[in-house]
Amino acid sequence: MSKNKDTSSNETRKLDNKTSIYFSISWLELEVLKILTKSQTSVYKGEMINRLRSKYPEISNKPESSFYAIFDRLEEDNLVALSEIKGEGYKKFLSITEGGKFELKKAINWGISTIFEGMIDELISVLNDFCVGVMGCLKEYDFGIISPNNPEFLVPERCNACVQPTDENLYHRFNIQMPFAKDALVPFYQNIKAQPDNIPLKANYLQRVLSVLSLGLLEENHSNSLITEVYRILETEGKAAFIEIVEFESYLFESLSKLTHGFDLFIPKKVTASLTQFSPSILKKKVAAVFGEENIEILDMREFVFVLATKR
């Protein structure tokens, strides 16, 4: 009975990777694939066990036979290959196959999408509270959003809920599109295209500016120029909020950049610049260089960071 069950499981695991729509691989097997991907050479079985035990103390007492069973399953599924190295006796070394790379790529992509789908409700809620409670955004304020222009994310829900534009006030609310923006309209905003160093609005014009995931899409000199332009178009005591992505563990971020070319729900698929990560302290320092450190407040959301700057 047990043997038939194992056989059935193996058959399930051997489905064509290109057509499979689910994962039949454990987290520990994925960790083996990740280690092999990052390693420059094949890894000796015993060394792999030592690495796994060292990284995850909770499995330090797991018997070696259990690890060998994992290696065997990965080999049976053609996700890893075993080989001998001349001069190393009968030692067996592990290396990742193309099938293993595909499985790891698929799993990381799924993991990243799950992270962001899980946090989007919280992000929108915080963004709404931030705009109204912290920035003091009311419908009579002149308000500008600088964004890559995804209307599903970049316009806070309360903007659409509380602002009923008329012909008189419609053009006092702006969505300022950077060069990489999609050609999409954001409701209740005048959509204008701009360069980071040249926003076509007069100085001291806006009372509030919200910049969402824009600095990270710009090269260093352009992102600095954008902050300077935001300062110019704000009136005295006007507020600007810069919202950016916080640093991720490097292998996740690298996979994200390579696999999705941007976050599906947040920014366009194709951008003209690489996506930059910010630590809260680095982003704060970057904005403070223009607004002055005494005029900066910060809100750390783990995956995102909000920096609030007041022009004085």
Protein backbone atom coordinates (compact mmCIF):
# COMPACT_ATOMS: atom_id res chain seq x y z
CA MET A 1 0.00 0.00 0.00
CA SER A 2 2.77 2.41 1.02
CA LYS A 3 4.80 1.52 -2.05
CA ASN A 4 1.91 2.30 -4.40
CA LYS A 5 1.38 5.66 -2.69
CA ASP A 6 5.05 6.58 -3.15
CA THR A 7 4.91 5.55 -6.82
CA SER A 8 1.86 7.72 -7.38
CA SER A 9 3.61 10.65 -5.72
CA ASN A 10 6.64 10.24 -7.94
CA GLU A 11 4.45 10.18 -11.03
CA THR A 12 2.83 13.44 -9.91
CA ARG A 13 6.23 15.02 -9.38
CA LYS A 14 7.34 14.06 -12.88
CA LEU A 15 4.69 16.13 -14.67
CA ASP A 16 6.14 18.34 -17.37
CA ASN A 17 7.42 21.49 -15.64
CA LYS A 18 6.19 23.66 -18.50
CA THR A 19 2.58 22.56 -18.06
CA SER A 20 2.42 21.99 -14.31
CA ILE A 21 0.37 24.62 -12.49
CA TYR A 22 1.35 23.68 -8.93
CA PHE A 23 4.45 22.83 -6.93
CA SER A 24 5.18 19.32 -5.77
CA ILE A 25 8.52 20.19 -4.25
CA SER A 26 9.21 20.85 -0.57
CA TRP A 27 10.81 23.97 0.89
CA LEU A 28 13.91 21.97 1.82
CA GLU A 29 14.27 20.71 -1.76
CA LEU A 30 13.93 24.29 -2.98
CA GLU A 31 16.67 25.31 -0.54
CA VAL A 32 18.95 22.67 -2.07
CA LEU A 33 18.26 24.08 -5.53
CA LYS A 34 18.89 27.61 -4.30
CA ILE A 35 22.25 26.67 -2.81
CA LEU A 36 23.26 24.90 -6.02
CA THR A 37 22.23 27.91 -8.11
CA LYS A 38 24.36 30.28 -6.04
CA SER A 39 27.34 27.87 -5.89
CA GLN A 40 30.04 28.25 -8.51
CA THR A 41 30.90 24.53 -8.40
CA SER A 42 29.18 21.22 -7.69
CA VAL A 43 28.52 20.62 -4.00
CA TYR A 44 29.52 17.43 -2.17
CA LYS A 45 26.53 15.69 -0.59
CA GLY A 46 28.04 15.84 2.90
CA GLU A 47 28.81 19.55 2.51
CA MET A 48 25.23 20.21 1.40
CA ILE A 49 23.93 18.52 4.55
CA ASN A 50 26.26 20.65 6.69
CA ARG A 51 25.06 23.85 4.98
CA LEU A 52 21.40 22.97 5.50
CA ARG A 53 21.90 22.05 9.15
CA SER A 54 23.89 25.20 9.79
CA LYS A 55 21.33 27.50 8.18
CA TYR A 56 18.30 25.80 9.77
CA PRO A 57 19.06 24.69 13.36
CA GLU A 58 15.59 23.13 13.65
CA ILE A 59 16.70 20.35 11.27
CA SER A 60 20.16 19.87 12.77
CA ASN A 61 19.08 16.53 14.25
CA LYS A 62 17.50 15.29 11.05
CA PRO A 63 19.21 11.98 10.14
CA GLU A 64 21.53 11.92 7.14
CA SER A 65 19.35 9.27 5.50
CA SER A 66 16.53 11.84 5.23
CA PHE A 67 18.80 14.25 3.37
CA TYR A 68 19.99 11.50 1.05
CA ALA A 69 16.34 10.66 0.30
CA ILE A 70 15.81 14.30 -0.70
CA PHE A 71 18.82 14.21 -3.01
CA ASP A 72 17.55 10.96 -4.56
CA ARG A 73 14.11 12.45 -5.23
CA LEU A 74 15.62 15.51 -6.85
CA GLU A 75 17.77 13.30 -9.05
CA GLU A 76 14.81 11.10 -10.01
CA ASP A 77 12.90 14.21 -11.07
CA ASN A 78 15.91 15.41 -13.08
CA LEU A 79 16.20 18.57 -10.98
CA VAL A 80 19.75 17.77 -9.87
CA ALA A 81 22.52 15.66 -11.34
CA LEU A 82 25.03 13.53 -9.43
CA SER A 83 28.62 13.27 -10.55
CA GLU A 84 32.04 12.21 -9.34
CA ILE A 85 35.06 14.49 -9.40
CA LYS A 86 38.43 13.02 -10.31
CA GLY A 87 40.67 12.68 -7.30
CA GLU A 88 37.77 12.78 -4.82
CA GLY A 89 37.32 9.03 -4.56
CA TYR A 90 33.74 7.83 -4.46
CA LYS A 91 32.26 11.12 -3.27
CA LYS A 92 29.07 12.20 -5.00
CA PHE A 93 28.64 15.84 -5.98
CA LEU A 94 25.37 17.66 -6.67
CA SER A 95 24.74 20.13 -9.48
CA ILE A 96 21.50 21.75 -10.64
CA THR A 97 19.96 20.85 -14.01
CA GLU A 98 18.01 23.07 -16.39
CA GLY A 99 14.85 21.49 -15.01
CA GLY A 100 15.93 22.40 -11.50
CA LYS A 101 16.59 25.98 -12.53
CA PHE A 102 13.13 26.19 -14.05
CA GLU A 103 11.48 24.77 -10.91
CA LEU A 104 13.37 27.22 -8.69
CA LYS A 105 12.53 30.13 -10.98
CA LYS A 106 8.84 29.18 -10.91
CA ALA A 107 8.80 28.84 -7.14
CA ILE A 108 10.53 32.17 -6.50
CA ASN A 109 8.21 33.94 -8.90
CA TRP A 110 5.21 32.45 -7.10
CA GLY A 111 6.66 33.40 -3.73
CA ILE A 112 7.20 37.01 -4.75
CA SER A 113 3.69 37.40 -6.15
CA THR A 114 2.26 35.91 -2.95
CA ILE A 115 4.16 38.39 -0.80
CA PHE A 116 2.74 41.37 -2.65
CA GLU A 117 -0.77 40.03 -3.03
CA GLY A 118 -0.80 39.44 0.70
CA MET A 119 0.22 42.98 1.59
CA ILE A 120 -1.72 45.05 -0.97
CA ASP A 121 -4.77 45.57 1.28
CA GLU A 122 -2.56 46.73 4.12
CA LEU A 123 -0.60 49.01 1.82
CA ILE A 124 -3.71 50.71 0.43
CA SER A 125 -5.12 51.14 3.92
CA VAL A 126 -1.92 52.73 5.18
CA LEU A 127 -1.68 54.89 2.07
CA ASN A 128 -5.22 56.19 2.63
CA ASP A 129 -4.57 56.93 6.30
CA PHE A 130 -1.25 58.54 5.43
CA CYS A 131 -2.73 60.89 2.84
CA VAL A 132 -5.61 62.03 5.05
CA GLY A 133 -4.18 61.71 8.53
CA VAL A 134 -0.52 62.62 8.03
CA MET A 135 -0.40 64.74 4.91
CA GLY A 136 -3.71 66.40 5.67
CA CYS A 137 -5.00 65.94 2.15
CA LEU A 138 -8.46 67.49 1.79
CA LYS A 139 -10.42 67.85 -1.38
CA GLU A 140 -9.80 71.61 -1.57
CA TYR A 141 -6.02 71.12 -1.68
CA ASP A 142 -4.10 71.37 -4.90
CA PHE A 143 -2.66 67.87 -5.13
CA GLY A 144 -0.19 66.16 -7.44
CA ILE A 145 0.79 62.52 -7.77
CA ILE A 146 4.09 61.66 -9.46
CA SER A 147 3.90 58.06 -10.55
CA PRO A 148 4.55 55.41 -13.18
CA ASN A 149 0.79 55.70 -13.61
CA ASN A 150 -1.00 52.53 -12.68
CA PRO A 151 -4.48 53.75 -11.73
CA GLU A 152 -5.31 50.59 -9.76
CA PHE A 153 -2.62 51.35 -7.21
CA LEU A 154 -1.22 54.80 -7.44
CA VAL A 155 -4.36 56.82 -6.70
CA PRO A 156 -5.41 56.37 -3.06
CA GLU A 157 -8.98 55.11 -2.77
CA ARG A 158 -10.02 58.12 -0.74
CA CYS A 159 -8.98 60.45 -3.55
CA ASN A 160 -11.66 58.90 -5.71
CA ALA A 161 -14.13 58.72 -2.83
CA CYS A 162 -13.87 62.27 -1.51
CA VAL A 163 -13.12 64.32 -4.61
CA GLN A 164 -15.98 65.07 -6.95
CA PRO A 165 -14.30 67.24 -9.58
CA THR A 166 -16.04 70.06 -11.35
CA ASP A 167 -14.85 71.98 -14.39
CA GLU A 168 -13.51 74.55 -11.96
CA ASN A 169 -11.31 72.31 -9.77
CA LEU A 170 -10.56 69.34 -12.03
CA TYR A 171 -7.29 70.84 -13.28
CA HIS A 172 -5.94 71.54 -9.82
CA ARG A 173 -5.21 67.86 -9.35
CA PHE A 174 -2.37 66.37 -11.34
CA ASN A 175 -0.95 62.97 -12.13
CA ILE A 176 2.60 63.72 -13.25
CA GLN A 177 3.82 60.89 -15.47
CA MET A 178 7.48 60.07 -15.77
CA PRO A 179 8.90 59.07 -19.19
CA PHE A 180 8.30 55.35 -18.52
CA ALA A 181 4.58 55.84 -17.75
CA LYS A 182 1.81 53.91 -19.42
CA ASP A 183 -0.62 55.87 -21.56
CA ALA A 184 -3.45 55.50 -19.06
CA LEU A 185 -5.69 58.04 -17.42
CA VAL A 186 -6.00 58.45 -13.66
CA PRO A 187 -9.55 59.49 -12.75
CA PHE A 188 -10.10 62.95 -11.26
CA TYR A 189 -6.58 64.07 -12.22
CA GLN A 190 -5.13 66.03 -15.07
CA ASN A 191 -2.57 63.65 -16.53
CA ILE A 192 0.58 65.44 -17.65
CA LYS A 193 3.84 64.00 -18.93
CA ALA A 194 7.09 65.28 -17.51
CA GLN A 195 10.82 64.75 -17.35
CA PRO A 196 12.39 64.29 -13.89
CA ASP A 197 14.22 67.60 -14.21
CA ASN A 198 11.36 69.52 -15.81
CA ILE A 199 7.83 69.26 -14.39
CA PRO A 200 5.65 71.66 -16.40
CA LEU A 201 4.09 73.38 -13.38
CA LYS A 202 5.01 76.80 -12.02
CA ALA A 203 6.95 77.21 -8.77
CA ASN A 204 5.11 77.32 -5.42
CA TYR A 205 1.99 75.87 -7.06
CA LEU A 206 0.97 72.65 -5.28
CA GLN A 207 0.09 72.09 -1.65
CA ARG A 208 0.61 68.32 -1.67
CA VAL A 209 2.69 65.94 -3.79
CA LEU A 210 2.67 62.15 -3.52
CA SER A 211 5.49 60.31 -5.31
CA VAL A 212 4.88 56.55 -5.52
CA LEU A 213 7.62 54.15 -6.67
CA SER A 214 9.15 56.76 -8.98
CA LEU A 215 12.59 57.43 -7.50
CA GLY A 216 13.47 53.73 -7.73
CA LEU A 217 12.80 53.70 -11.46
CA LEU A 218 15.10 56.62 -12.17
CA GLU A 219 18.84 56.81 -12.43
CA GLU A 220 20.58 58.47 -9.49
CA ASN A 221 20.97 61.91 -11.06
CA HIS A 222 17.38 61.89 -12.36
CA SER A 223 15.91 60.87 -9.01
CA ASN A 224 17.80 63.73 -7.35
CA SER A 225 16.44 66.10 -10.00
CA LEU A 226 12.89 64.89 -9.38
CA ILE A 227 13.15 65.66 -5.66
CA THR A 228 14.44 69.14 -6.52
CA GLU A 229 11.54 69.69 -8.93
CA VAL A 230 9.02 68.54 -6.31
CA TYR A 231 10.50 71.08 -3.91
CA ARG A 232 10.20 73.81 -6.55
CA ILE A 233 6.54 73.23 -7.39
CA LEU A 234 5.46 72.98 -3.73
CA GLU A 235 4.26 76.10 -1.97
CA THR A 236 5.73 77.04 1.40
CA GLU A 237 4.53 74.62 4.10
CA GLY A 238 3.48 72.27 1.32
CA LYS A 239 4.12 68.55 1.91
CA ALA A 240 5.59 65.83 -0.29
CA ALA A 241 5.53 62.10 0.44
CA PHE A 242 7.96 59.75 -1.29
CA ILE A 243 7.02 56.07 -1.16
CA GLU A 244 9.58 53.49 -2.27
CA ILE A 245 10.47 49.81 -2.00
CA VAL A 246 12.61 48.74 0.93
CA GLU A 247 15.59 46.45 0.42
CA PHE A 248 14.82 42.74 0.01
CA GLU A 249 17.03 39.73 0.46
CA SER A 250 19.24 39.92 -2.61
CA TYR A 251 18.29 36.67 -4.34
CA LEU A 252 14.57 37.52 -4.15
CA PHE A 253 15.12 40.98 -5.57
CA GLU A 254 17.37 39.71 -8.37
CA SER A 255 14.78 37.11 -9.31
CA LEU A 256 12.05 39.74 -9.21
CA SER A 257 13.98 42.02 -11.57
CA LYS A 258 14.75 39.20 -14.01
CA LEU A 259 11.43 37.40 -13.98
CA THR A 260 8.83 40.16 -13.87
CA HIS A 261 10.63 43.35 -14.93
CA GLY A 262 8.55 45.09 -12.30
CA PHE A 263 5.70 44.29 -9.97
CA ASP A 264 2.53 43.48 -11.91
CA LEU A 265 0.25 45.33 -9.54
CA PHE A 266 2.41 48.36 -8.97
CA ILE A 267 4.52 49.51 -11.89
CA PRO A 268 4.65 48.97 -15.66
CA LYS A 269 6.14 45.76 -16.99
CA LYS A 270 8.70 47.60 -19.12
CA VAL A 271 10.75 50.41 -17.65
CA THR A 272 13.68 52.41 -18.97
CA ALA A 273 15.74 52.07 -15.82
CA SER A 274 16.52 49.33 -13.32
CA LEU A 275 14.53 49.23 -10.12
CA THR A 276 16.45 50.60 -7.13
CA GLN A 277 15.96 49.41 -3.57
CA PHE A 278 16.08 51.87 -0.69
CA SER A 279 16.73 51.41 2.98
CA PRO A 280 14.72 53.86 5.10
CA SER A 281 17.87 55.73 6.15
CA ILE A 282 19.17 56.10 2.58
CA LEU A 283 15.84 57.39 1.26
CA LYS A 284 15.54 59.80 4.18
CA LYS A 285 19.04 61.14 3.52
CA LYS A 286 18.28 61.50 -0.20
CA VAL A 287 15.16 63.59 0.38
CA ALA A 288 16.73 65.54 3.25
CA ALA A 289 19.50 66.72 0.93
CA VAL A 290 16.87 68.93 -0.74
CA PHE A 291 14.28 69.58 1.98
CA GLY A 292 16.58 69.66 5.01
CA GLU A 293 16.80 66.92 7.62
CA GLU A 294 14.78 68.89 10.16
CA ASN A 295 11.83 68.84 7.74
CA ILE A 296 11.75 65.06 7.24
CA GLU A 297 9.58 62.40 8.89
CA ILE A 298 9.70 58.68 8.11
CA LEU A 299 7.29 55.74 8.26
CA ASP A 300 8.77 52.25 7.80
CA MET A 301 6.28 49.65 6.52
CA ARG A 302 8.82 46.81 6.15
CA GLU A 303 8.36 46.27 2.41
CA PHE A 304 7.77 49.97 1.74
CA VAL A 305 9.04 53.19 3.27
CA PHE A 306 7.20 56.53 3.41
CA VAL A 307 9.24 59.72 3.72
CA LEU A 308 7.27 62.89 4.43
CA ALA A 309 8.97 66.19 3.58
CA THR A 310 7.71 69.70 4.33
CA LYS A 311 8.92 72.74 2.36
CA ARG A 312 9.96 75.58 4.64
